[in-house]
């Protein structure tokens, strides 16, 4: 069996006993713990009640630290935000907020920015995310205890003109030229019908892009995405 003692660090630097217990199992659950820094000491106990040498470990129950680094990866009409912690913590995820304009008062993020979701990283995707201008992510770490402060990150979509042409390859239709052509070309009934169909297809595609404000990507239990 095992003898367990759980101490928490007090404000004066001393340790205060929170709980002590004995168990024949290799697992034990402490309940009702409040935020703080804890030290768990375990001793093996034989059938005569003799105890072995103690083994100790420390752990904290606290809201996570703010992300130490945020990587922004540009794409075509999209930006991928990937936060990092200074020390890896598997219990941490991130809240993602997005804004077209910089928010000077970090305390106003929840009022002024758009909430995207909670995940390990996020792809903000929309035809409204265009090259040549700044967009702002506000990201904070979260766990079951609480949330960190927000961290700001500024990024832009890709400015690769050739890449955008490849991206739209096959999607540029007569509808893009319709207004100019109507001034110069006397359309037959058949051509006018085709132009209307092209215009409808492009509008449908554009609406789908506008609906793709965010793509949530979470980590599965086996560590894959």
C-alpha atoms as a PDB file:
ATOM      1  CA  UNK A   1       0.000   0.000   0.000  1.00  0.00           C
ATOM      2  CA  UNK A   2       0.963   3.656  -0.133  1.00  0.00           C
ATOM      3  CA  UNK A   3       0.919   6.628   2.216  1.00  0.00           C
ATOM      4  CA  UNK A   4       0.118   9.994   0.587  1.00  0.00           C
ATOM      5  CA  UNK A   5       0.613  13.534   1.860  1.00  0.00           C
ATOM      6  CA  UNK A   6      -0.426  16.573  -0.191  1.00  0.00           C
ATOM      7  CA  UNK A   7       0.873  20.015   0.793  1.00  0.00           C
ATOM      8  CA  UNK A   8       0.201  23.413  -0.785  1.00  0.00           C
ATOM      9  CA  UNK A   9       2.539  26.411  -0.711  1.00  0.00           C
ATOM     10  CA  UNK A  10       1.222  29.141   1.603  1.00  0.00           C
ATOM     11  CA  UNK A  11       1.640  32.882   1.003  1.00  0.00           C
ATOM     12  CA  UNK A  12       4.427  33.084   3.595  1.00  0.00           C
ATOM     13  CA  UNK A  13       6.421  30.434   1.731  1.00  0.00           C
ATOM     14  CA  UNK A  14       5.652  27.587   4.112  1.00  0.00           C
ATOM     15  CA  UNK A  15       3.830  24.381   3.218  1.00  0.00           C
ATOM     16  CA  UNK A  16       0.339  23.646   4.514  1.00  0.00           C
ATOM     17  CA  UNK A  17      -1.038  20.115   4.687  1.00  0.00           C
ATOM     18  CA  UNK A  18      -4.082  19.776   2.445  1.00  0.00           C
ATOM     19  CA  UNK A  19      -4.777  16.060   2.697  1.00  0.00           C
ATOM     20  CA  UNK A  20      -3.256  12.756   3.772  1.00  0.00           C
ATOM     21  CA  UNK A  21      -4.450   9.299   2.817  1.00  0.00           C
ATOM     22  CA  UNK A  22      -3.528   5.662   2.508  1.00  0.00           C
ATOM     23  CA  UNK A  23      -4.411   3.500  -0.470  1.00  0.00           C
ATOM     24  CA  UNK A  24      -3.679  -0.027  -1.697  1.00  0.00           C
ATOM     25  CA  UNK A  25      -4.020   1.144  -5.310  1.00  0.00           C
ATOM     26  CA  UNK A  26      -1.515   2.799  -7.614  1.00  0.00           C
ATOM     27  CA  UNK A  27      -3.959   5.642  -8.301  1.00  0.00           C
ATOM     28  CA  UNK A  28      -5.675   8.074  -5.942  1.00  0.00           C
ATOM     29  CA  UNK A  29      -7.936  11.045  -6.626  1.00  0.00           C
ATOM     30  CA  UNK A  30      -7.768  14.231  -4.551  1.00  0.00           C
ATOM     31  CA  UNK A  31     -10.932  16.307  -4.852  1.00  0.00           C
ATOM     32  CA  UNK A  32     -11.843  19.930  -4.249  1.00  0.00           C
ATOM     33  CA  UNK A  33      -8.365  21.339  -4.826  1.00  0.00           C
ATOM     34  CA  UNK A  34      -8.095  25.101  -5.287  1.00  0.00           C
ATOM     35  CA  UNK A  35      -5.525  26.914  -7.465  1.00  0.00           C
ATOM     36  CA  UNK A  36      -2.040  26.784  -6.006  1.00  0.00           C
ATOM     37  CA  UNK A  37       1.335  25.046  -6.102  1.00  0.00           C
ATOM     38  CA  UNK A  38       1.267  21.579  -4.574  1.00  0.00           C
ATOM     39  CA  UNK A  39       3.800  19.003  -3.378  1.00  0.00           C
ATOM     40  CA  UNK A  40       2.742  15.351  -3.272  1.00  0.00           C
ATOM     41  CA  UNK A  41       4.829  12.965  -1.158  1.00  0.00           C
ATOM     42  CA  UNK A  42       4.371   9.205  -1.493  1.00  0.00           C
ATOM     43  CA  UNK A  43       5.803   6.397   0.665  1.00  0.00           C
ATOM     44  CA  UNK A  44       5.428   2.666   0.129  1.00  0.00           C
ATOM     45  CA  UNK A  45       4.127   0.793   3.194  1.00  0.00           C
ATOM     46  CA  UNK A  46       4.683  -2.936   3.787  1.00  0.00           C
ATOM     47  CA  UNK A  47       2.442  -5.373   5.636  1.00  0.00           C
ATOM     48  CA  UNK A  48       4.220  -4.592   8.949  1.00  0.00           C
ATOM     49  CA  UNK A  49       3.518  -0.880   8.559  1.00  0.00           C
ATOM     50  CA  UNK A  50       7.101   0.010   7.745  1.00  0.00           C
ATOM     51  CA  UNK A  51       7.458   2.936   5.313  1.00  0.00           C
ATOM     52  CA  UNK A  52       9.985   3.299   2.546  1.00  0.00           C
ATOM     53  CA  UNK A  53      11.856   6.409   1.487  1.00  0.00           C
ATOM     54  CA  UNK A  54       9.619   9.274   0.326  1.00  0.00           C
ATOM     55  CA  UNK A  55       9.229  10.261  -3.319  1.00  0.00           C
ATOM     56  CA  UNK A  56       7.909  13.748  -4.070  1.00  0.00           C
ATOM     57  CA  UNK A  57       6.604  15.628  -7.080  1.00  0.00           C
ATOM     58  CA  UNK A  58       5.338  19.172  -7.556  1.00  0.00           C
ATOM     59  CA  UNK A  59       2.493  20.439  -9.715  1.00  0.00           C
ATOM     60  CA  UNK A  60       0.428  23.585 -10.098  1.00  0.00           C
ATOM     61  CA  UNK A  61      -3.281  24.191 -10.508  1.00  0.00           C
ATOM     62  CA  UNK A  62      -3.497  27.546 -12.274  1.00  0.00           C
ATOM     63  CA  UNK A  63      -4.693  29.370 -15.349  1.00  0.00           C
ATOM     64  CA  UNK A  64      -2.194  28.940 -18.198  1.00  0.00           C
ATOM     65  CA  UNK A  65       0.500  31.419 -19.118  1.00  0.00           C
ATOM     66  CA  UNK A  66      -0.094  33.568 -22.203  1.00  0.00           C
ATOM     67  CA  UNK A  67       1.273  32.225 -25.506  1.00  0.00           C
ATOM     68  CA  UNK A  68       4.979  32.987 -25.769  1.00  0.00           C
ATOM     69  CA  UNK A  69       4.967  33.017 -29.581  1.00  0.00           C
ATOM     70  CA  UNK A  70       2.363  33.089 -32.361  1.00  0.00           C
ATOM     71  CA  UNK A  71       3.279  31.926 -35.853  1.00  0.00           C
ATOM     72  CA  UNK A  72       1.179  33.427 -38.667  1.00  0.00           C
ATOM     73  CA  UNK A  73       1.322  31.649 -42.019  1.00  0.00           C
ATOM     74  CA  UNK A  74      -0.057  33.544 -45.060  1.00  0.00           C
ATOM     75  CA  UNK A  75      -2.218  31.802 -47.628  1.00  0.00           C
ATOM     76  CA  UNK A  76      -4.532  32.739 -50.482  1.00  0.00           C
ATOM     77  CA  UNK A  77      -7.385  34.685 -48.832  1.00  0.00           C
ATOM     78  CA  UNK A  78      -6.422  33.134 -45.511  1.00  0.00           C
ATOM     79  CA  UNK A  79      -4.042  33.339 -42.550  1.00  0.00           C
ATOM     80  CA  UNK A  80      -3.155  30.437 -40.260  1.00  0.00           C
ATOM     81  CA  UNK A  81      -2.427  31.270 -36.613  1.00  0.00           C
ATOM     82  CA  UNK A  82      -0.408  28.774 -34.543  1.00  0.00           C
ATOM     83  CA  UNK A  83       0.286  29.747 -30.907  1.00  0.00           C
ATOM     84  CA  UNK A  84       3.103  28.243 -28.822  1.00  0.00           C
ATOM     85  CA  UNK A  85       3.680  27.962 -25.087  1.00  0.00           C
ATOM     86  CA  UNK A  86       7.105  28.493 -23.519  1.00  0.00           C
ATOM     87  CA  UNK A  87       6.594  25.116 -21.804  1.00  0.00           C
ATOM     88  CA  UNK A  88       4.424  22.519 -23.523  1.00  0.00           C
ATOM     89  CA  UNK A  89       1.193  21.790 -21.668  1.00  0.00           C
ATOM     90  CA  UNK A  90      -1.168  19.171 -23.148  1.00  0.00           C
ATOM     91  CA  UNK A  91      -4.109  20.619 -21.191  1.00  0.00           C
ATOM     92  CA  UNK A  92      -3.919  23.996 -22.963  1.00  0.00           C
ATOM     93  CA  UNK A  93      -5.972  25.116 -25.950  1.00  0.00           C
ATOM     94  CA  UNK A  94      -6.429  28.611 -27.380  1.00  0.00           C
ATOM     95  CA  UNK A  95      -9.214  31.101 -27.963  1.00  0.00           C
ATOM     96  CA  UNK A  96      -8.943  32.889 -31.316  1.00  0.00           C
ATOM     97  CA  UNK A  97     -10.368  36.376 -31.921  1.00  0.00           C
ATOM     98  CA  UNK A  98     -10.010  38.294 -35.201  1.00  0.00           C
ATOM     99  CA  UNK A  99     -10.234  41.943 -36.239  1.00  0.00           C
ATOM    100  CA  UNK A 100      -9.740  44.005 -39.406  1.00  0.00           C
ATOM    101  CA  UNK A 101      -8.485  46.901 -37.284  1.00  0.00           C
ATOM    102  CA  UNK A 102      -6.033  47.019 -34.421  1.00  0.00           C
ATOM    103  CA  UNK A 103      -7.605  47.137 -30.949  1.00  0.00           C
ATOM    104  CA  UNK A 104      -5.582  49.564 -28.846  1.00  0.00           C
ATOM    105  CA  UNK A 105      -7.224  48.595 -25.547  1.00  0.00           C
ATOM    106  CA  UNK A 106      -6.615  44.888 -25.005  1.00  0.00           C
ATOM    107  CA  UNK A 107      -9.464  44.820 -22.486  1.00  0.00           C
ATOM    108  CA  UNK A 108     -11.926  45.580 -25.326  1.00  0.00           C
ATOM    109  CA  UNK A 109     -11.078  42.525 -27.430  1.00  0.00           C
ATOM    110  CA  UNK A 110     -14.255  40.634 -26.530  1.00  0.00           C
ATOM    111  CA  UNK A 111     -16.367  43.664 -27.501  1.00  0.00           C
ATOM    112  CA  UNK A 112     -14.518  44.738 -30.647  1.00  0.00           C
ATOM    113  CA  UNK A 113     -13.140  41.541 -32.224  1.00  0.00           C
ATOM    114  CA  UNK A 114     -14.825  38.557 -33.868  1.00  0.00           C
ATOM    115  CA  UNK A 115     -14.638  35.302 -31.882  1.00  0.00           C
ATOM    116  CA  UNK A 116     -13.517  32.479 -34.170  1.00  0.00           C
ATOM    117  CA  UNK A 117     -13.386  29.532 -31.785  1.00  0.00           C
ATOM    118  CA  UNK A 118     -11.195  27.445 -29.482  1.00  0.00           C
ATOM    119  CA  UNK A 119      -8.622  24.998 -30.857  1.00  0.00           C
ATOM    120  CA  UNK A 120      -4.890  24.297 -31.105  1.00  0.00           C
ATOM    121  CA  UNK A 121      -4.555  26.506 -34.196  1.00  0.00           C
ATOM    122  CA  UNK A 122      -6.906  28.265 -36.583  1.00  0.00           C
ATOM    123  CA  UNK A 123      -7.222  29.083 -40.272  1.00  0.00           C
ATOM    124  CA  UNK A 124      -9.098  32.353 -40.817  1.00  0.00           C
ATOM    125  CA  UNK A 125     -10.321  32.116 -44.414  1.00  0.00           C
ATOM    126  CA  UNK A 126     -12.506  34.533 -46.386  1.00  0.00           C
ATOM    127  CA  UNK A 127     -12.469  36.392 -49.705  1.00  0.00           C
ATOM    128  CA  UNK A 128     -12.463  39.518 -47.535  1.00  0.00           C
ATOM    129  CA  UNK A 129      -8.940  38.659 -46.315  1.00  0.00           C
ATOM    130  CA  UNK A 130      -6.936  40.294 -49.071  1.00  0.00           C
ATOM    131  CA  UNK A 131      -3.227  40.824 -49.697  1.00  0.00           C
ATOM    132  CA  UNK A 132      -1.526  44.096 -48.877  1.00  0.00           C
ATOM    133  CA  UNK A 133      -3.257  44.922 -45.599  1.00  0.00           C
ATOM    134  CA  UNK A 134      -2.846  43.951 -41.961  1.00  0.00           C
ATOM    135  CA  UNK A 135      -5.233  41.717 -40.024  1.00  0.00           C
ATOM    136  CA  UNK A 136      -5.142  41.179 -36.281  1.00  0.00           C
ATOM    137  CA  UNK A 137      -5.431  38.032 -34.187  1.00  0.00           C
ATOM    138  CA  UNK A 138      -6.021  38.198 -30.444  1.00  0.00           C
ATOM    139  CA  UNK A 139      -5.230  34.863 -28.827  1.00  0.00           C
ATOM    140  CA  UNK A 140      -5.241  33.599 -25.255  1.00  0.00           C
ATOM    141  CA  UNK A 141      -4.462  30.229 -23.693  1.00  0.00           C
ATOM    142  CA  UNK A 142      -7.261  28.419 -21.846  1.00  0.00           C
ATOM    143  CA  UNK A 143      -7.530  25.352 -19.622  1.00  0.00           C
ATOM    144  CA  UNK A 144     -10.035  23.987 -17.114  1.00  0.00           C
ATOM    145  CA  UNK A 145      -8.862  26.461 -14.467  1.00  0.00           C
ATOM    146  CA  UNK A 146      -8.974  29.728 -16.398  1.00  0.00           C
ATOM    147  CA  UNK A 147      -7.649  31.900 -19.211  1.00  0.00           C
ATOM    148  CA  UNK A 148      -4.463  33.865 -19.847  1.00  0.00           C
ATOM    149  CA  UNK A 149      -4.180  37.452 -21.018  1.00  0.00           C
ATOM    150  CA  UNK A 150      -4.633  38.147 -24.739  1.00  0.00           C
ATOM    151  CA  UNK A 151      -1.627  38.292 -27.056  1.00  0.00           C
ATOM    152  CA  UNK A 152      -1.831  40.287 -30.308  1.00  0.00           C
ATOM    153  CA  UNK A 153      -0.412  39.047 -33.607  1.00  0.00           C
ATOM    154  CA  UNK A 154      -0.476  40.924 -36.926  1.00  0.00           C
ATOM    155  CA  UNK A 155      -0.417  39.179 -40.295  1.00  0.00           C
ATOM    156  CA  UNK A 156      -1.254  39.460 -43.976  1.00  0.00           C
ATOM    157  CA  UNK A 157      -2.552  37.104 -46.628  1.00  0.00           C
ATOM    158  CA  UNK A 158      -0.144  35.913 -49.310  1.00  0.00           C
ATOM    159  CA  UNK A 159       0.884  38.567 -51.851  1.00  0.00           C
ATOM    160  CA  UNK A 160       1.987  36.023 -54.464  1.00  0.00           C
ATOM    161  CA  UNK A 161       0.234  37.305 -57.589  1.00  0.00           C
ATOM    162  CA  UNK A 162       1.144  34.263 -59.665  1.00  0.00           C
ATOM    163  CA  UNK A 163      -0.203  32.025 -56.938  1.00  0.00           C
ATOM    164  CA  UNK A 164      -3.545  33.833 -56.928  1.00  0.00           C
ATOM    165  CA  UNK A 165      -3.811  33.340 -60.688  1.00  0.00           C
ATOM    166  CA  UNK A 166      -3.235  29.620 -60.218  1.00  0.00           C
ATOM    167  CA  UNK A 167      -5.730  29.647 -57.344  1.00  0.00           C
ATOM    168  CA  UNK A 168      -8.438  31.080 -59.608  1.00  0.00           C
ATOM    169  CA  UNK A 169      -7.457  29.036 -62.649  1.00  0.00           C
ATOM    170  CA  UNK A 170     -10.615  27.678 -64.195  1.00  0.00           C
ATOM    171  CA  UNK A 171     -12.856  29.929 -62.062  1.00  0.00           C
ATOM    172  CA  UNK A 172     -12.518  33.163 -64.043  1.00  0.00           C
ATOM    173  CA  UNK A 173     -15.596  33.237 -66.269  1.00  0.00           C
ATOM    174  CA  UNK A 174     -17.254  35.624 -68.682  1.00  0.00           C
ATOM    175  CA  UNK A 175     -19.063  37.223 -65.750  1.00  0.00           C
ATOM    176  CA  UNK A 176     -15.865  39.138 -64.855  1.00  0.00           C
ATOM    177  CA  UNK A 177     -15.931  40.817 -68.245  1.00  0.00           C
ATOM    178  CA  UNK A 178     -19.701  41.114 -68.524  1.00  0.00           C
ATOM    179  CA  UNK A 179     -20.118  44.811 -67.791  1.00  0.00           C
ATOM    180  CA  UNK A 180     -17.472  45.874 -70.306  1.00  0.00           C
ATOM    181  CA  UNK A 181     -18.641  43.434 -72.953  1.00  0.00           C
ATOM    182  CA  UNK A 182     -22.268  44.573 -72.695  1.00  0.00           C
ATOM    183  CA  UNK A 183     -21.154  47.994 -73.921  1.00  0.00           C
ATOM    184  CA  UNK A 184     -19.319  46.548 -76.920  1.00  0.00           C
ATOM    185  CA  UNK A 185     -21.046  43.320 -77.901  1.00  0.00           C
ATOM    186  CA  UNK A 186     -24.597  42.826 -79.145  1.00  0.00           C
ATOM    187  CA  UNK A 187     -25.436  39.582 -77.309  1.00  0.00           C
ATOM    188  CA  UNK A 188     -27.670  37.012 -78.893  1.00  0.00           C
ATOM    189  CA  UNK A 189     -30.293  35.324 -76.736  1.00  0.00           C
ATOM    190  CA  UNK A 190     -28.103  32.215 -76.447  1.00  0.00           C
ATOM    191  CA  UNK A 191     -24.975  34.165 -75.407  1.00  0.00           C
ATOM    192  CA  UNK A 192     -26.932  36.210 -72.870  1.00  0.00           C
ATOM    193  CA  UNK A 193     -28.221  33.002 -71.298  1.00  0.00           C
ATOM    194  CA  UNK A 194     -24.678  31.641 -70.997  1.00  0.00           C
ATOM    195  CA  UNK A 195     -23.450  34.857 -69.416  1.00  0.00           C
ATOM    196  CA  UNK A 196     -26.201  34.746 -66.803  1.00  0.00           C
ATOM    197  CA  UNK A 197     -25.309  31.140 -65.966  1.00  0.00           C
ATOM    198  CA  UNK A 198     -21.608  32.010 -65.573  1.00  0.00           C
ATOM    199  CA  UNK A 199     -22.555  34.921 -63.314  1.00  0.00           C
ATOM    200  CA  UNK A 200     -24.714  32.685 -61.124  1.00  0.00           C
ATOM    201  CA  UNK A 201     -21.949  30.067 -60.778  1.00  0.00           C
ATOM    202  CA  UNK A 202     -19.401  32.684 -59.747  1.00  0.00           C
ATOM    203  CA  UNK A 203     -21.787  34.242 -57.211  1.00  0.00           C
ATOM    204  CA  UNK A 204     -22.449  30.810 -55.693  1.00  0.00           C
ATOM    205  CA  UNK A 205     -18.703  30.216 -55.330  1.00  0.00           C
ATOM    206  CA  UNK A 206     -18.207  33.657 -53.810  1.00  0.00           C
ATOM    207  CA  UNK A 207     -20.962  33.020 -51.256  1.00  0.00           C
ATOM    208  CA  UNK A 208     -19.312  29.764 -50.243  1.00  0.00           C
ATOM    209  CA  UNK A 209     -16.031  31.610 -49.625  1.00  0.00           C
ATOM    210  CA  UNK A 210     -17.774  34.230 -47.502  1.00  0.00           C
ATOM    211  CA  UNK A 211     -19.228  31.449 -45.369  1.00  0.00           C
ATOM    212  CA  UNK A 212     -15.748  30.031 -44.677  1.00  0.00           C
ATOM    213  CA  UNK A 213     -14.830  32.504 -41.936  1.00  0.00           C
ATOM    214  CA  UNK A 214     -12.977  29.964 -39.894  1.00  0.00           C
ATOM    215  CA  UNK A 215     -11.794  26.387 -40.144  1.00  0.00           C
ATOM    216  CA  UNK A 216     -11.466  24.732 -36.738  1.00  0.00           C
ATOM    217  CA  UNK A 217      -8.713  22.158 -36.432  1.00  0.00           C
ATOM    218  CA  UNK A 218      -8.393  20.177 -33.232  1.00  0.00           C
ATOM    219  CA  UNK A 219      -5.924  17.582 -32.057  1.00  0.00           C
ATOM    220  CA  UNK A 220      -7.197  14.025 -31.695  1.00  0.00           C
ATOM    221  CA  UNK A 221      -6.287  11.732 -28.805  1.00  0.00           C
ATOM    222  CA  UNK A 222      -3.524  10.047 -30.805  1.00  0.00           C
ATOM    223  CA  UNK A 223      -1.856  13.402 -31.467  1.00  0.00           C
ATOM    224  CA  UNK A 224      -2.918  13.706 -35.114  1.00  0.00           C
ATOM    225  CA  UNK A 225      -4.773  16.622 -36.677  1.00  0.00           C
END
